[in-house]
Amino acid sequence: MTTFYLDTSVALRALLGHSPSAARWIDQTTANMSHMVVSSRVLRTELTRVLRREGLPVTRRNEILDVLALVPLTDGVLAAAEAIEPHVKTLDAIHLGSVIAAGLDATIVSHDAAMIAAATSLGYPTFDPVDE
């Protein structure tokens, strides 16, 4: 089984219709039984905040969340995020901490250059499905 860790930068572009290629990748990957797509519980909060900001129904987040497995936000996740050496924003560190704390052998799916650089420095393969 191939595991992919979905970052907010891709999830939001797919959800808001800003990247048909990202939406297509999510649809195709989650439909494939040999793939698993996971993210942090913090993704739910991030999607909710953006949908509220944009005046869109919060229930739209389920278009993404219903096809993912979520890693719970725990002290272990936060400790792993705090231990990350390369500079990365706090929420990105929590995403990477989720991968580390869950012991996932995952490809990090992101469109954020800093996230990709941090993931690469931590030894994780990365993939960017966003076609601008």
C-alpha atoms as a PDB file:
ATOM      1  CA  MET A   1       0.000   0.000   0.000  1.00  0.00           C
ATOM      2  CA  THR A   2       1.237   3.483  -0.874  1.00  0.00           C
ATOM      3  CA  THR A   3       0.576   6.174   1.702  1.00  0.00           C
ATOM      4  CA  PHE A   4       0.236   9.839   0.805  1.00  0.00           C
ATOM      5  CA  TYR A   5       0.087  12.658   3.337  1.00  0.00           C
ATOM      6  CA  LEU A   6      -2.131  15.488   2.066  1.00  0.00           C
ATOM      7  CA  ASP A   7      -1.103  19.026   2.986  1.00  0.00           C
ATOM      8  CA  THR A   8      -3.534  21.933   3.226  1.00  0.00           C
ATOM      9  CA  SER A   9      -1.965  23.731   0.257  1.00  0.00           C
ATOM     10  CA  VAL A  10      -3.240  21.001  -2.078  1.00  0.00           C
ATOM     11  CA  ALA A  11      -6.490  20.241  -0.235  1.00  0.00           C
ATOM     12  CA  LEU A  12      -7.641  23.858  -0.381  1.00  0.00           C
ATOM     13  CA  ARG A  13      -6.783  24.304  -4.046  1.00  0.00           C
ATOM     14  CA  ALA A  14      -8.797  21.188  -4.849  1.00  0.00           C
ATOM     15  CA  LEU A  15     -11.723  22.118  -2.610  1.00  0.00           C
ATOM     16  CA  LEU A  16     -12.010  25.696  -3.859  1.00  0.00           C
ATOM     17  CA  GLY A  17     -11.659  24.733  -7.522  1.00  0.00           C
ATOM     18  CA  HIS A  18      -8.331  26.543  -7.947  1.00  0.00           C
ATOM     19  CA  SER A  19      -6.570  23.442  -9.234  1.00  0.00           C
ATOM     20  CA  PRO A  20      -8.473  20.871 -11.267  1.00  0.00           C
ATOM     21  CA  SER A  21      -5.302  18.767 -11.390  1.00  0.00           C
ATOM     22  CA  ALA A  22      -5.149  18.615  -7.576  1.00  0.00           C
ATOM     23  CA  ALA A  23      -8.835  17.659  -7.378  1.00  0.00           C
ATOM     24  CA  ARG A  24      -8.321  14.993 -10.040  1.00  0.00           C
ATOM     25  CA  TRP A  25      -5.295  13.624  -8.162  1.00  0.00           C
ATOM     26  CA  ILE A  26      -7.298  13.380  -4.911  1.00  0.00           C
ATOM     27  CA  ASP A  27     -10.217  11.676  -6.679  1.00  0.00           C
ATOM     28  CA  GLN A  28      -8.027   9.161  -8.514  1.00  0.00           C
ATOM     29  CA  THR A  29      -5.750   8.415  -5.576  1.00  0.00           C
ATOM     30  CA  THR A  30      -8.500   7.921  -3.006  1.00  0.00           C
ATOM     31  CA  ALA A  31     -10.416   5.689  -5.445  1.00  0.00           C
ATOM     32  CA  ASN A  32      -7.414   3.360  -5.736  1.00  0.00           C
ATOM     33  CA  MET A  33      -7.620   0.689  -3.040  1.00  0.00           C
ATOM     34  CA  SER A  34      -3.833   0.296  -3.034  1.00  0.00           C
ATOM     35  CA  HIS A  35      -3.424   3.907  -1.865  1.00  0.00           C
ATOM     36  CA  MET A  36      -4.151   5.528   1.456  1.00  0.00           C
ATOM     37  CA  VAL A  37      -4.384   9.305   1.861  1.00  0.00           C
ATOM     38  CA  VAL A  38      -3.969  10.746   5.329  1.00  0.00           C
ATOM     39  CA  SER A  39      -3.666  14.173   6.897  1.00  0.00           C
ATOM     40  CA  SER A  40      -3.639  15.763  10.320  1.00  0.00           C
ATOM     41  CA  ARG A  41      -6.773  16.578  12.285  1.00  0.00           C
ATOM     42  CA  VAL A  42      -5.576  20.167  11.984  1.00  0.00           C
ATOM     43  CA  LEU A  43      -6.602  20.020   8.295  1.00  0.00           C
ATOM     44  CA  ARG A  44     -10.251  20.029   9.384  1.00  0.00           C
ATOM     45  CA  THR A  45      -9.678  23.259  11.307  1.00  0.00           C
ATOM     46  CA  GLU A  46      -7.791  24.874   8.439  1.00  0.00           C
ATOM     47  CA  LEU A  47     -10.492  23.986   5.910  1.00  0.00           C
ATOM     48  CA  THR A  48     -13.196  25.240   8.273  1.00  0.00           C
ATOM     49  CA  ARG A  49     -11.478  28.581   8.814  1.00  0.00           C
ATOM     50  CA  VAL A  50     -11.002  29.194   5.082  1.00  0.00           C
ATOM     51  CA  LEU A  51     -14.580  28.209   4.226  1.00  0.00           C
ATOM     52  CA  ARG A  52     -15.867  30.587   6.923  1.00  0.00           C
ATOM     53  CA  ARG A  53     -13.616  33.371   5.635  1.00  0.00           C
ATOM     54  CA  GLU A  54     -14.902  32.836   2.098  1.00  0.00           C
ATOM     55  CA  GLY A  55     -18.548  32.705   3.218  1.00  0.00           C
ATOM     56  CA  LEU A  56     -18.936  29.140   1.940  1.00  0.00           C
ATOM     57  CA  PRO A  57     -20.782  26.300   3.687  1.00  0.00           C
ATOM     58  CA  VAL A  58     -18.529  24.615   6.227  1.00  0.00           C
ATOM     59  CA  THR A  59     -19.970  21.244   5.230  1.00  0.00           C
ATOM     60  CA  ARG A  60     -18.014  21.510   1.966  1.00  0.00           C
ATOM     61  CA  ARG A  61     -14.940  20.443   3.937  1.00  0.00           C
ATOM     62  CA  ASN A  62     -16.411  16.933   3.930  1.00  0.00           C
ATOM     63  CA  GLU A  63     -15.697  16.668   0.194  1.00  0.00           C
ATOM     64  CA  ILE A  64     -12.063  16.293   1.256  1.00  0.00           C
ATOM     65  CA  LEU A  65     -12.326  14.946   4.797  1.00  0.00           C
ATOM     66  CA  ASP A  66     -14.628  12.048   3.888  1.00  0.00           C
ATOM     67  CA  VAL A  67     -11.944  10.429   1.716  1.00  0.00           C
ATOM     68  CA  LEU A  68      -9.042  10.776   4.181  1.00  0.00           C
ATOM     69  CA  ALA A  69      -7.808   9.188   7.350  1.00  0.00           C
ATOM     70  CA  LEU A  70      -6.958  11.830   9.954  1.00  0.00           C
ATOM     71  CA  VAL A  71      -4.094  11.619  12.424  1.00  0.00           C
ATOM     72  CA  PRO A  72      -5.323  12.912  15.810  1.00  0.00           C
ATOM     73  CA  LEU A  73      -3.682  15.996  17.268  1.00  0.00           C
ATOM     74  CA  THR A  74      -1.823  14.651  20.294  1.00  0.00           C
ATOM     75  CA  ASP A  75       1.024  15.658  22.581  1.00  0.00           C
ATOM     76  CA  GLY A  76       3.210  13.285  20.551  1.00  0.00           C
ATOM     77  CA  VAL A  77       2.364  15.121  17.326  1.00  0.00           C
ATOM     78  CA  LEU A  78       3.101  18.483  18.934  1.00  0.00           C
ATOM     79  CA  ALA A  79       6.386  17.210  20.399  1.00  0.00           C
ATOM     80  CA  ALA A  80       7.420  15.885  16.980  1.00  0.00           C
ATOM     81  CA  ALA A  81       6.516  19.252  15.420  1.00  0.00           C
ATOM     82  CA  GLU A  82       8.582  21.088  18.018  1.00  0.00           C
ATOM     83  CA  ALA A  83      11.599  18.863  17.330  1.00  0.00           C
ATOM     84  CA  ILE A  84      11.756  19.656  13.608  1.00  0.00           C
ATOM     85  CA  GLU A  85      15.037  21.477  12.973  1.00  0.00           C
ATOM     86  CA  PRO A  86      14.496  23.181   9.608  1.00  0.00           C
ATOM     87  CA  HIS A  87      12.396  26.330   9.828  1.00  0.00           C
ATOM     88  CA  VAL A  88       8.811  25.736   8.800  1.00  0.00           C
ATOM     89  CA  LYS A  89       5.622  27.536   9.819  1.00  0.00           C
ATOM     90  CA  THR A  90       3.799  26.199  12.862  1.00  0.00           C
ATOM     91  CA  LEU A  91       0.889  24.534  11.042  1.00  0.00           C
ATOM     92  CA  ASP A  92       3.282  22.965   8.532  1.00  0.00           C
ATOM     93  CA  ALA A  93       5.357  21.667  11.447  1.00  0.00           C
ATOM     94  CA  ILE A  94       2.202  20.130  12.920  1.00  0.00           C
ATOM     95  CA  HIS A  95       1.501  18.432   9.590  1.00  0.00           C
ATOM     96  CA  LEU A  96       5.034  17.038   9.457  1.00  0.00           C
ATOM     97  CA  GLY A  97       4.840  16.148  13.157  1.00  0.00           C
ATOM     98  CA  SER A  98       1.710  14.125  12.361  1.00  0.00           C
ATOM     99  CA  VAL A  99       3.628  12.050   9.806  1.00  0.00           C
ATOM    100  CA  ILE A 100       6.529  11.548  12.195  1.00  0.00           C
ATOM    101  CA  ALA A 101       4.454  10.727  15.298  1.00  0.00           C
ATOM    102  CA  ALA A 102       2.229   8.319  13.365  1.00  0.00           C
ATOM    103  CA  GLY A 103       5.316   6.550  12.002  1.00  0.00           C
ATOM    104  CA  LEU A 104       4.053   6.899   8.450  1.00  0.00           C
ATOM    105  CA  ASP A 105       6.170   5.962   5.466  1.00  0.00           C
ATOM    106  CA  ALA A 106       4.416   8.529   3.320  1.00  0.00           C
ATOM    107  CA  THR A 107       4.915  10.779   0.346  1.00  0.00           C
ATOM    108  CA  ILE A 108       4.171  14.370   1.341  1.00  0.00           C
ATOM    109  CA  VAL A 109       1.711  15.921  -1.118  1.00  0.00           C
ATOM    110  CA  SER A 110       2.120  19.691  -1.029  1.00  0.00           C
ATOM    111  CA  HIS A 111       2.254  22.811  -3.175  1.00  0.00           C
ATOM    112  CA  ASP A 112       4.117  24.819  -0.528  1.00  0.00           C
ATOM    113  CA  ALA A 113       7.828  25.266  -1.323  1.00  0.00           C
ATOM    114  CA  ALA A 114       8.847  25.591   2.343  1.00  0.00           C
ATOM    115  CA  MET A 115       6.870  22.472   3.282  1.00  0.00           C
ATOM    116  CA  ILE A 116       8.428  20.532   0.412  1.00  0.00           C
ATOM    117  CA  ALA A 117      11.923  21.668   1.441  1.00  0.00           C
ATOM    118  CA  ALA A 118      11.352  20.719   5.089  1.00  0.00           C
ATOM    119  CA  ALA A 119       9.855  17.331   4.166  1.00  0.00           C
ATOM    120  CA  THR A 120      12.762  16.617   1.829  1.00  0.00           C
ATOM    121  CA  SER A 121      15.296  17.545   4.519  1.00  0.00           C
ATOM    122  CA  LEU A 122      13.532  15.090   6.845  1.00  0.00           C
ATOM    123  CA  GLY A 123      13.901  12.338   4.232  1.00  0.00           C
ATOM    124  CA  TYR A 124      10.328  12.203   2.948  1.00  0.00           C
ATOM    125  CA  PRO A 125       9.544  11.975  -0.757  1.00  0.00           C
ATOM    126  CA  THR A 126       7.286  14.756  -2.014  1.00  0.00           C
ATOM    127  CA  PHE A 127       4.777  15.253  -4.796  1.00  0.00           C
ATOM    128  CA  ASP A 128       3.035  18.388  -6.083  1.00  0.00           C
ATOM    129  CA  PRO A 129      -0.125  17.632  -8.120  1.00  0.00           C
ATOM    130  CA  VAL A 130      -0.996  21.305  -8.649  1.00  0.00           C
ATOM    131  CA  ASP A 131      -0.743  22.339 -12.274  1.00  0.00           C
ATOM    132  CA  GLU A 132      -0.742  26.129 -12.369  1.00  0.00           C
END
